Amino acid sequence: MIERYTLPEIGSIWSEENKFSIWLKIEIFASEANNKLGIVPTSALKKIRSKAKFNVKKINEIEAVVKHDVIAFLTNVGSYVGPESRFIHYGMTSSDVLDTALSVQMKEAGELLLRQLIVLRSALAKKAKKYKYLPMVGRTHGVHAEAVTLGLKFALWYDEVNRDITRLKTAIKTVSVGKISGAVGTYEHLNPYVERYVCKKLGLEPANAATQIIQRDVHAEYMTTLAIIASSLEKFATEIRHQQKTEVLELEEPFTKGQKGSSAMPHKKNPVICERIAGLARVIRSNSIAAMENVNLWHERDISHSSVERMIIPDSTMLMYYMLVKMIEVVEGLVVNKENIAKNLNRTHGLIYSQRALLKLVEAGLTREQAYKAVQDNAMWSWKTGEDFRDLLESDKVISSKVKKAQIEDIFNPQKVFKNIDYIFKNTGIK
C-alpha cells in the first residue's frame, strides 16, 4: 500500500520485520514442541532460543539468489544458530510458516479494525442521541418524501455498524487458524502435537484439515467482510456528500483551519474525505473478488494465490483502517446546518404531509381513490405554482367539507414524526 493511506499502527503489522518475527516464533515454538516429543535435544533447543535471530536485509539478499523467501529466512537464521539449526523447520513445509503467520497478521489487523469500528459506533450513538428529535426531510428517489429526524439517520448507521462488528468478529474467529501439518497436510513427518502447541502459543486454533495450505475460503470470508464494511462506510460517505451539495447544505464534513478546497476557486469546501472513502471502498470490493478467485487451487496446492494475497490482504486491511479513522473524524466533526435543514423541510410548501392528508380523508369517509385524487390534484397544483399546500387543502370544497380546519392544521405538525422514535432507538440498542 502507498504511504498516503498507510497509518503506522496498521502498517507495522504488515512490515517485513513483524512478518519475520512471527516466522521466527513459529520455528522456535515448533522446536519446543519437538523437544517435548524427544526429537530436538534440549541442548539444541537452548541454542536455538538464545541465538536465533534474523536480518531483513540479509534475507532479501539471499532470496535474490535462491528465489525462495522461506529458504532465505531459514538460511539467515541458521547462520546465527550454527549446527543446531538442522533441527529448525523439522518435518515442516514453507506454508506451515507462511499460512500460520498470515493468520496471526490477519487476526492482529482484524482486531485493530474491530476497535475502530467500536469507536465509530460510539460516535454514531452520540450523534443519534444529540439529533434524535431534529426533524428533517426524508428523500426517496432523491425527491422529498416525508419527514424523518437526523437522529434516525445516525441510528440507522449505528445499527449497520453493529452488524459490521458482528461480521468482523466472526471473520476474525474464522481466520484465526494455523497449520503445521507438512507438505500435503497429512502430518507424515510431524506429530499433530506440534501444530496444537504452536497454535496455542500464537492464540490460534489448529485447522481441522488442510492440504499444503489453509483453505482460502477462510481468507475469502475475511476479505468479503471487509468489502461489506467498506460498502457501509461508502454509503455513509455518499449520504454526507449529497447533503453537502450547495443547494442542500444540511451537513458538511469538517473543514479545518488552513485547509484549501480548490487551487482555482477559493470559496470551495469540498467533501474530499467522504469522496476518498467512497473511492477506496471500490478497491476493497475489487480485492474481495480476487480473494474469492483464490479459493480454487489445483489439487493440494498451487501458488497462483500467493502473489495475489501478498497485495490484497495487507492493502485491504490498511485501507480499511484508514477509512475507519477518517469516517470517525468526519462523524465527530460533522457540521449540522439546522437552518438549512428547517428550510429544506419546508421547501415543498407542505407537500411532504400528503399521506397524512390522504389518510385523514379516508378516515373521514372518502374511498382511497377519492381521497388520493383530491390530495394529488392539490399537490400537483402546489408543485406547479408554489402555492402553500395547506392553503390549497383548506380552500378545496371536497376536502373542507370532510375535514375541519383544525384537523388540516394538525396534518402539518412536523413533530408527529417523533411518535415512534423511541421505539426505533430501542430496537437499535441506543440508550
Protein backbone atom coordinates (compact mmCIF):
# COMPACT_ATOMS: atom_id res chain seq x y z
CA MET A 1 0.00 0.00 0.00
CA ILE A 2 1.18 3.50 -0.75
CA GLU A 3 2.34 5.58 2.17
CA ARG A 4 -0.52 8.08 1.75
CA TYR A 5 -3.08 5.60 3.09
CA THR A 6 -0.87 3.61 5.48
CA LEU A 7 -1.20 4.62 9.12
CA PRO A 8 1.65 3.42 11.39
CA GLU A 9 -0.38 1.23 13.75
CA ILE A 10 -1.74 -0.97 10.95
CA GLY A 11 1.33 -0.64 8.71
CA SER A 12 3.58 -2.13 11.38
CA ILE A 13 1.56 -5.36 11.35
CA TRP A 14 2.48 -5.87 7.69
CA SER A 15 6.11 -4.82 7.96
CA GLU A 16 8.78 -7.32 6.98
CA GLU A 17 10.20 -7.02 10.48
CA ASN A 18 6.92 -8.16 12.05
CA LYS A 19 6.41 -10.90 9.46
CA PHE A 20 9.83 -12.43 10.06
CA SER A 21 9.38 -12.05 13.82
CA ILE A 22 6.26 -14.22 13.61
CA TRP A 23 8.06 -16.71 11.38
CA LEU A 24 10.80 -16.99 13.97
CA LYS A 25 8.28 -17.53 16.76
CA ILE A 26 6.66 -20.33 14.77
CA GLU A 27 10.00 -22.05 14.21
CA ILE A 28 11.02 -21.71 17.87
CA PHE A 29 7.62 -22.93 19.13
CA ALA A 30 7.79 -25.90 16.76
CA SER A 31 11.27 -26.70 18.08
CA GLU A 32 9.94 -26.52 21.64
CA ALA A 33 7.15 -28.95 20.77
CA ASN A 34 9.58 -31.31 19.07
CA ASN A 35 11.80 -31.09 22.13
CA LYS A 36 8.91 -32.27 24.28
CA LEU A 37 8.49 -35.14 21.82
CA GLY A 38 12.16 -36.06 22.15
CA ILE A 39 13.07 -35.05 18.58
CA VAL A 40 15.02 -31.88 19.30
CA PRO A 41 17.70 -32.23 22.02
CA THR A 42 17.41 -29.83 24.93
CA SER A 43 20.91 -28.50 24.26
CA ALA A 44 19.94 -27.71 20.69
CA LEU A 45 16.72 -26.02 21.81
CA LYS A 46 18.66 -23.82 24.22
CA LYS A 47 20.97 -22.78 21.38
CA ILE A 48 18.01 -22.09 19.08
CA ARG A 49 16.26 -19.98 21.71
CA SER A 50 19.34 -17.95 22.58
CA LYS A 51 20.85 -17.43 19.15
CA ALA A 52 18.01 -17.47 16.66
CA LYS A 53 17.54 -14.09 15.01
CA PHE A 54 17.32 -12.59 11.54
CA ASN A 55 18.40 -9.66 9.42
CA VAL A 56 15.85 -8.38 6.90
CA LYS A 57 18.48 -7.02 4.52
CA LYS A 58 20.40 -10.30 4.51
CA ILE A 59 17.21 -12.32 3.95
CA ASN A 60 16.37 -10.20 0.91
CA GLU A 61 19.89 -10.61 -0.43
CA ILE A 62 19.70 -14.39 -0.06
CA GLU A 63 16.22 -14.52 -1.62
CA ALA A 64 17.53 -12.66 -4.66
CA VAL A 65 19.76 -15.70 -5.25
CA VAL A 66 17.67 -18.68 -4.09
CA LYS A 67 14.30 -17.25 -5.26
CA HIS A 68 12.53 -18.64 -2.17
CA ASP A 69 11.57 -16.47 0.78
CA VAL A 70 11.32 -19.17 3.47
CA ILE A 71 14.60 -20.81 2.46
CA ALA A 72 16.25 -17.38 2.53
CA PHE A 73 14.83 -16.81 6.02
CA LEU A 74 15.95 -20.22 7.30
CA THR A 75 19.41 -19.74 5.80
CA ASN A 76 19.78 -16.39 7.53
CA VAL A 77 18.52 -17.71 10.89
CA GLY A 78 20.77 -20.74 10.58
CA SER A 79 23.82 -18.54 10.14
CA TYR A 80 23.25 -17.24 13.68
CA VAL A 81 22.31 -20.55 15.31
CA GLY A 82 25.00 -22.76 13.81
CA PRO A 83 24.89 -26.58 13.52
CA GLU A 84 21.84 -26.84 15.81
CA SER A 85 19.82 -25.08 13.12
CA ARG A 86 19.36 -28.50 11.48
CA PHE A 87 16.51 -29.05 13.95
CA ILE A 88 14.70 -25.87 12.86
CA HIS A 89 11.79 -26.42 10.44
CA TYR A 90 11.86 -30.16 11.19
CA GLY A 91 9.25 -32.00 9.07
CA MET A 92 7.65 -28.72 8.06
CA THR A 93 6.84 -27.13 4.71
CA SER A 94 7.06 -23.45 3.84
CA SER A 95 3.31 -22.94 4.03
CA ASP A 96 3.27 -24.17 7.62
CA VAL A 97 5.15 -20.99 8.38
CA LEU A 98 3.64 -18.70 5.74
CA ASP A 99 0.00 -19.52 6.34
CA THR A 100 0.18 -19.67 10.11
CA ALA A 101 2.00 -16.33 10.21
CA LEU A 102 -0.51 -14.80 7.80
CA SER A 103 -3.33 -15.89 10.10
CA VAL A 104 -1.60 -14.14 13.01
CA GLN A 105 -1.27 -10.95 10.96
CA MET A 106 -4.86 -11.07 9.76
CA LYS A 107 -6.04 -11.65 13.32
CA GLU A 108 -3.95 -8.71 14.58
CA ALA A 109 -5.18 -6.46 11.77
CA GLY A 110 -8.78 -7.58 12.27
CA GLU A 111 -8.66 -6.80 15.98
CA LEU A 112 -7.29 -3.33 15.22
CA LEU A 113 -10.12 -2.75 12.73
CA LEU A 114 -12.64 -4.02 15.27
CA ARG A 115 -11.50 -1.43 17.81
CA GLN A 116 -12.01 1.34 15.26
CA LEU A 117 -15.45 0.04 14.35
CA ILE A 118 -16.42 0.19 18.02
CA VAL A 119 -15.20 3.81 18.20
CA LEU A 120 -17.26 4.64 15.11
CA ARG A 121 -20.32 3.01 16.63
CA SER A 122 -19.90 5.11 19.76
CA ALA A 123 -19.56 8.31 17.71
CA LEU A 124 -22.74 7.47 15.79
CA ALA A 125 -24.63 6.75 19.02
CA LYS A 126 -23.70 10.20 20.35
CA LYS A 127 -24.89 11.90 17.17
CA ALA A 128 -28.08 9.85 17.12
CA LYS A 129 -28.97 10.90 20.66
CA LYS A 130 -28.00 14.53 20.08
CA TYR A 131 -30.20 14.90 17.00
CA LYS A 132 -32.88 12.39 17.96
CA TYR A 133 -35.66 14.96 17.66
CA LEU A 134 -34.32 17.22 14.90
CA PRO A 135 -36.86 16.90 12.07
CA MET A 136 -35.58 16.91 8.51
CA VAL A 137 -36.91 15.91 5.16
CA GLY A 138 -36.58 12.31 4.09
CA ARG A 139 -35.92 11.59 0.42
CA THR A 140 -36.85 8.65 -1.78
CA HIS A 141 -35.58 8.58 -5.38
CA GLY A 142 -33.80 11.83 -4.45
CA VAL A 143 -37.21 13.52 -4.10
CA HIS A 144 -38.66 14.93 -0.88
CA ALA A 145 -40.85 12.22 0.67
CA GLU A 146 -41.83 12.57 4.35
CA ALA A 147 -40.21 13.91 7.49
CA VAL A 148 -37.60 11.89 9.38
CA THR A 149 -35.13 13.07 12.01
CA LEU A 150 -31.40 13.48 11.71
CA GLY A 151 -31.05 11.27 14.77
CA LEU A 152 -32.82 8.44 12.94
CA LYS A 153 -30.29 8.68 10.11
CA PHE A 154 -27.45 8.22 12.59
CA ALA A 155 -29.36 5.44 14.38
CA LEU A 156 -29.67 3.60 11.08
CA TRP A 157 -25.91 3.82 10.54
CA TYR A 158 -25.29 2.76 14.14
CA ASP A 159 -27.36 -0.36 13.56
CA GLU A 160 -25.44 -1.18 10.37
CA VAL A 161 -22.08 -0.76 12.12
CA ASN A 162 -23.36 -3.11 14.82
CA ARG A 163 -23.88 -5.73 12.14
CA ASP A 164 -20.43 -4.98 10.71
CA ILE A 165 -18.93 -5.57 14.15
CA THR A 166 -20.66 -8.94 14.39
CA ARG A 167 -19.47 -9.86 10.89
CA LEU A 168 -15.89 -8.88 11.63
CA LYS A 169 -15.80 -10.78 14.93
CA THR A 170 -16.93 -13.89 13.06
CA ALA A 171 -14.37 -13.34 10.29
CA ILE A 172 -11.55 -12.89 12.80
CA LYS A 173 -12.53 -16.13 14.52
CA THR A 174 -12.70 -17.94 11.17
CA VAL A 175 -9.26 -16.76 10.06
CA SER A 176 -7.58 -17.41 13.43
CA VAL A 177 -6.37 -20.86 12.42
CA GLY A 178 -2.92 -22.28 11.86
CA LYS A 179 -1.50 -25.42 10.24
CA ILE A 180 1.71 -27.30 10.92
CA SER A 181 0.87 -30.46 9.03
CA GLY A 182 3.52 -30.76 6.35
CA ALA A 183 3.73 -30.80 2.59
CA VAL A 184 0.22 -32.14 1.86
CA GLY A 185 -1.44 -31.79 5.25
CA THR A 186 -1.01 -35.41 6.40
CA TYR A 187 1.41 -34.89 9.33
CA GLU A 188 3.62 -37.55 7.73
CA HIS A 189 6.79 -36.09 9.22
CA LEU A 190 5.20 -34.29 12.13
CA ASN A 191 3.28 -35.13 15.25
CA PRO A 192 -0.07 -33.23 15.38
CA TYR A 193 1.03 -32.15 18.84
CA VAL A 194 3.44 -29.69 17.19
CA GLU A 195 0.56 -27.96 15.45
CA ARG A 196 -1.53 -27.81 18.61
CA TYR A 197 1.40 -26.44 20.61
CA VAL A 198 2.35 -23.75 18.07
CA CYS A 199 -1.24 -22.63 17.55
CA LYS A 200 -1.91 -22.34 21.27
CA LYS A 201 1.21 -20.22 21.71
CA LEU A 202 0.06 -17.92 18.90
CA GLY A 203 -3.57 -17.63 20.00
CA LEU A 204 -4.85 -19.65 17.05
CA GLU A 205 -6.88 -22.83 16.60
CA PRO A 206 -5.46 -25.70 14.52
CA ALA A 207 -7.16 -26.09 11.15
CA ASN A 208 -9.48 -29.10 11.18
CA ALA A 209 -8.00 -30.25 7.89
CA ALA A 210 -5.57 -28.74 5.40
CA THR A 211 -3.59 -29.53 2.29
CA GLN A 212 -0.25 -27.84 1.96
CA ILE A 213 -2.13 -24.69 2.85
CA ILE A 214 -5.02 -23.37 4.90
CA GLN A 215 -8.01 -23.37 2.59
CA ARG A 216 -8.66 -19.97 1.02
CA ASP A 217 -12.39 -19.85 1.67
CA VAL A 218 -11.24 -18.76 5.13
CA HIS A 219 -9.47 -15.75 3.64
CA ALA A 220 -12.37 -15.06 1.28
CA GLU A 221 -14.77 -14.77 4.21
CA TYR A 222 -12.46 -12.27 5.88
CA MET A 223 -12.00 -10.23 2.71
CA THR A 224 -15.67 -10.15 1.77
CA THR A 225 -16.42 -8.99 5.30
CA LEU A 226 -14.03 -6.09 4.77
CA ALA A 227 -15.80 -5.39 1.47
CA ILE A 228 -19.17 -5.19 3.22
CA ILE A 229 -17.78 -2.85 5.88
CA ALA A 230 -16.20 -0.70 3.17
CA SER A 231 -19.59 -0.54 1.43
CA SER A 232 -21.22 0.60 4.68
CA LEU A 233 -18.69 3.40 5.02
CA GLU A 234 -19.19 4.37 1.39
CA LYS A 235 -22.94 4.51 2.00
CA PHE A 236 -22.47 6.91 4.94
CA ALA A 237 -19.98 8.99 2.98
CA THR A 238 -22.26 9.22 -0.05
CA GLU A 239 -25.15 10.45 2.08
CA ILE A 240 -22.96 13.18 3.57
CA ARG A 241 -21.72 14.12 0.09
CA HIS A 242 -25.29 14.52 -1.13
CA GLN A 243 -26.19 16.60 1.87
CA GLN A 244 -23.16 18.86 1.38
CA LYS A 245 -24.34 19.94 -2.07
CA THR A 246 -24.69 23.73 -2.24
CA GLU A 247 -28.42 23.57 -2.90
CA VAL A 248 -28.93 21.19 0.06
CA LEU A 249 -26.17 22.04 2.55
CA GLU A 250 -27.67 20.25 5.54
CA LEU A 251 -24.45 18.51 6.58
CA GLU A 252 -20.77 19.24 5.96
CA GLU A 253 -17.70 17.21 6.69
CA PRO A 254 -15.18 19.13 8.86
CA PHE A 255 -13.10 21.78 7.13
CA THR A 256 -10.04 22.55 9.23
CA LYS A 257 -8.23 25.85 9.73
CA GLY A 258 -5.83 26.46 6.87
CA GLN A 259 -7.46 23.87 4.63
CA LYS A 260 -7.89 24.76 0.94
CA GLY A 261 -10.73 23.45 -1.17
CA SER A 262 -9.63 24.29 -4.69
CA SER A 263 -6.48 25.56 -6.39
CA ALA A 264 -8.66 27.74 -8.62
CA MET A 265 -11.74 28.65 -6.57
CA PRO A 266 -11.04 29.97 -3.06
CA HIS A 267 -14.68 29.66 -1.99
CA LYS A 268 -14.79 25.86 -2.29
CA LYS A 269 -15.30 23.48 0.63
CA ASN A 270 -15.35 20.07 -0.98
CA PRO A 271 -16.34 16.78 0.74
CA VAL A 272 -12.92 15.31 -0.08
CA ILE A 273 -12.70 12.89 2.86
CA CYS A 274 -16.06 11.34 2.03
CA GLU A 275 -15.14 11.18 -1.64
CA ARG A 276 -11.89 9.46 -0.71
CA ILE A 277 -13.75 6.91 1.42
CA ALA A 278 -16.15 6.22 -1.44
CA GLY A 279 -13.25 5.71 -3.85
CA LEU A 280 -11.21 3.45 -1.57
CA ALA A 281 -14.26 1.25 -0.98
CA ARG A 282 -14.04 0.27 -4.65
CA VAL A 283 -10.51 -1.03 -4.13
CA ILE A 284 -11.50 -3.20 -1.17
CA ARG A 285 -14.51 -4.63 -3.01
CA SER A 286 -12.30 -5.41 -6.01
CA ASN A 287 -9.79 -7.13 -3.73
CA SER A 288 -12.56 -9.30 -2.28
CA ILE A 289 -13.27 -10.64 -5.77
CA ALA A 290 -9.61 -11.62 -6.09
CA ALA A 291 -9.84 -13.35 -2.70
CA MET A 292 -12.75 -15.45 -3.92
CA GLU A 293 -10.80 -16.35 -7.06
CA ASN A 294 -8.05 -17.66 -4.75
CA VAL A 295 -10.34 -20.31 -3.29
CA ASN A 296 -10.00 -22.51 -6.36
CA LEU A 297 -6.50 -24.04 -6.43
CA TRP A 298 -5.05 -27.17 -8.05
CA HIS A 299 -5.06 -30.36 -6.01
CA GLU A 300 -3.17 -29.98 -2.71
CA ARG A 301 -1.93 -26.55 -3.71
CA ASP A 302 -0.52 -24.34 -6.42
CA ILE A 303 0.85 -20.82 -5.89
CA SER A 304 -1.50 -18.83 -8.11
CA HIS A 305 -2.97 -17.35 -4.94
CA SER A 306 0.33 -16.35 -3.36
CA SER A 307 1.25 -13.25 -5.35
CA VAL A 308 -2.35 -12.04 -5.18
CA GLU A 309 -2.79 -12.24 -1.43
CA ARG A 310 0.58 -10.63 -0.75
CA MET A 311 -1.09 -7.50 -2.10
CA ILE A 312 -4.79 -7.72 -1.45
CA ILE A 313 -4.78 -8.75 2.22
CA PRO A 314 -2.33 -6.18 3.61
CA ASP A 315 -3.67 -3.47 1.28
CA SER A 316 -7.30 -4.09 2.20
CA THR A 317 -6.71 -4.08 5.95
CA MET A 318 -4.60 -0.92 5.72
CA LEU A 319 -7.19 0.83 3.55
CA MET A 320 -9.98 -0.32 5.84
CA TYR A 321 -8.17 1.08 8.87
CA TYR A 322 -7.55 4.39 7.10
CA MET A 323 -11.20 4.62 6.05
CA LEU A 324 -12.44 3.92 9.57
CA VAL A 325 -10.15 6.55 11.09
CA LYS A 326 -11.33 9.09 8.52
CA MET A 327 -15.02 8.22 8.94
CA ILE A 328 -14.70 8.67 12.70
CA GLU A 329 -13.08 12.04 12.02
CA VAL A 330 -15.99 13.02 9.75
CA VAL A 331 -18.74 11.88 12.12
CA GLU A 332 -17.19 13.52 15.18
CA GLY A 333 -16.54 16.80 13.36
CA LEU A 334 -19.70 16.87 11.26
CA VAL A 335 -21.23 20.33 10.76
CA VAL A 336 -25.01 20.30 11.12
CA ASN A 337 -26.75 23.27 9.46
CA LYS A 338 -30.03 23.39 11.35
CA GLU A 339 -31.33 26.43 9.45
CA ASN A 340 -30.93 24.72 6.11
CA ILE A 341 -32.45 21.53 7.49
CA ALA A 342 -35.52 23.52 8.54
CA LYS A 343 -35.59 25.42 5.24
CA ASN A 344 -35.44 22.20 3.20
CA LEU A 345 -38.10 20.60 5.36
CA ASN A 346 -40.47 23.37 4.27
CA ARG A 347 -39.14 23.80 0.72
CA THR A 348 -42.07 21.99 -0.91
CA HIS A 349 -44.69 24.11 0.90
CA GLY A 350 -46.04 21.24 2.99
CA LEU A 351 -46.25 18.60 0.24
CA ILE A 352 -44.36 16.11 2.42
CA TYR A 353 -47.53 15.75 4.52
CA SER A 354 -49.65 14.50 1.61
CA GLN A 355 -50.03 10.98 3.03
CA ARG A 356 -51.37 12.40 6.28
CA ALA A 357 -53.95 14.33 4.26
CA LEU A 358 -54.82 11.19 2.29
CA LEU A 359 -55.36 9.12 5.44
CA LYS A 360 -57.34 11.89 7.12
CA LEU A 361 -59.78 11.93 4.20
CA VAL A 362 -60.06 8.13 4.26
CA GLU A 363 -60.87 8.34 7.97
CA ALA A 364 -63.48 10.95 7.12
CA GLY A 365 -65.32 8.52 4.81
CA LEU A 366 -63.89 9.01 1.33
CA THR A 367 -62.72 5.98 -0.63
CA ARG A 368 -58.97 5.73 -1.06
CA GLU A 369 -59.32 6.57 -4.74
CA GLN A 370 -61.41 9.66 -4.00
CA ALA A 371 -59.05 10.80 -1.26
CA TYR A 372 -55.95 10.19 -3.41
CA LYS A 373 -57.38 12.24 -6.31
CA ALA A 374 -58.39 15.13 -4.07
CA VAL A 375 -54.95 15.29 -2.43
CA GLN A 376 -52.99 14.71 -5.65
CA ASP A 377 -54.88 17.39 -7.57
CA ASN A 378 -53.91 19.95 -4.94
CA ALA A 379 -50.39 18.60 -4.64
CA MET A 380 -49.74 18.87 -8.37
CA TRP A 381 -51.06 22.45 -8.36
CA SER A 382 -48.75 23.28 -5.47
CA TRP A 383 -45.81 21.78 -7.41
CA LYS A 384 -46.71 23.89 -10.41
CA THR A 385 -47.45 27.22 -8.74
CA GLY A 386 -45.58 27.11 -5.45
CA GLU A 387 -48.79 27.80 -3.52
CA ASP A 388 -48.92 26.56 0.06
CA PHE A 389 -50.30 23.04 0.20
CA ARG A 390 -52.21 23.63 3.41
CA ASP A 391 -53.93 26.70 1.99
CA LEU A 392 -54.98 24.70 -1.03
CA LEU A 393 -56.42 21.91 1.12
CA GLU A 394 -58.32 24.40 3.26
CA SER A 395 -59.85 26.07 0.20
CA ASP A 396 -60.74 22.78 -1.51
CA LYS A 397 -64.53 22.29 -1.24
CA VAL A 398 -64.43 18.50 -1.19
CA ILE A 399 -61.73 18.38 1.47
CA SER A 400 -63.08 21.19 3.65
CA SER A 401 -66.49 19.52 3.67
CA LYS A 402 -64.98 16.40 5.16
CA VAL A 403 -62.19 17.71 7.37
CA LYS A 404 -62.25 20.64 9.78
CA LYS A 405 -59.67 23.41 9.61
CA ALA A 406 -58.12 22.35 12.94
CA GLN A 407 -57.72 18.83 11.60
CA ILE A 408 -55.99 20.16 8.49
CA GLU A 409 -53.64 22.20 10.68
CA ASP A 410 -52.80 19.05 12.63
CA ILE A 411 -51.77 17.34 9.39
CA PHE A 412 -48.87 19.78 9.08
CA ASN A 413 -47.41 19.29 12.55
CA PRO A 414 -43.78 18.18 11.94
CA GLN A 415 -43.45 16.78 15.46
CA LYS A 416 -45.79 13.91 14.63
CA VAL A 417 -42.75 12.16 13.20
CA PHE A 418 -41.49 11.78 16.79
CA LYS A 419 -44.27 9.33 17.71
CA ASN A 420 -42.24 6.12 17.30
CA ILE A 421 -38.69 7.45 17.54
CA ASP A 422 -38.16 5.90 20.97
CA TYR A 423 -39.36 2.54 19.64
CA ILE A 424 -36.82 2.62 16.79
CA PHE A 425 -33.98 3.70 19.08
CA LYS A 426 -34.85 0.87 21.48
CA ASN A 427 -34.69 -1.60 18.58
CA THR A 428 -31.19 -0.43 17.68
CA GLY A 429 -29.97 -0.64 21.27
CA ILE A 430 -29.11 3.05 21.57
CA LYS A 431 -29.67 4.17 25.18
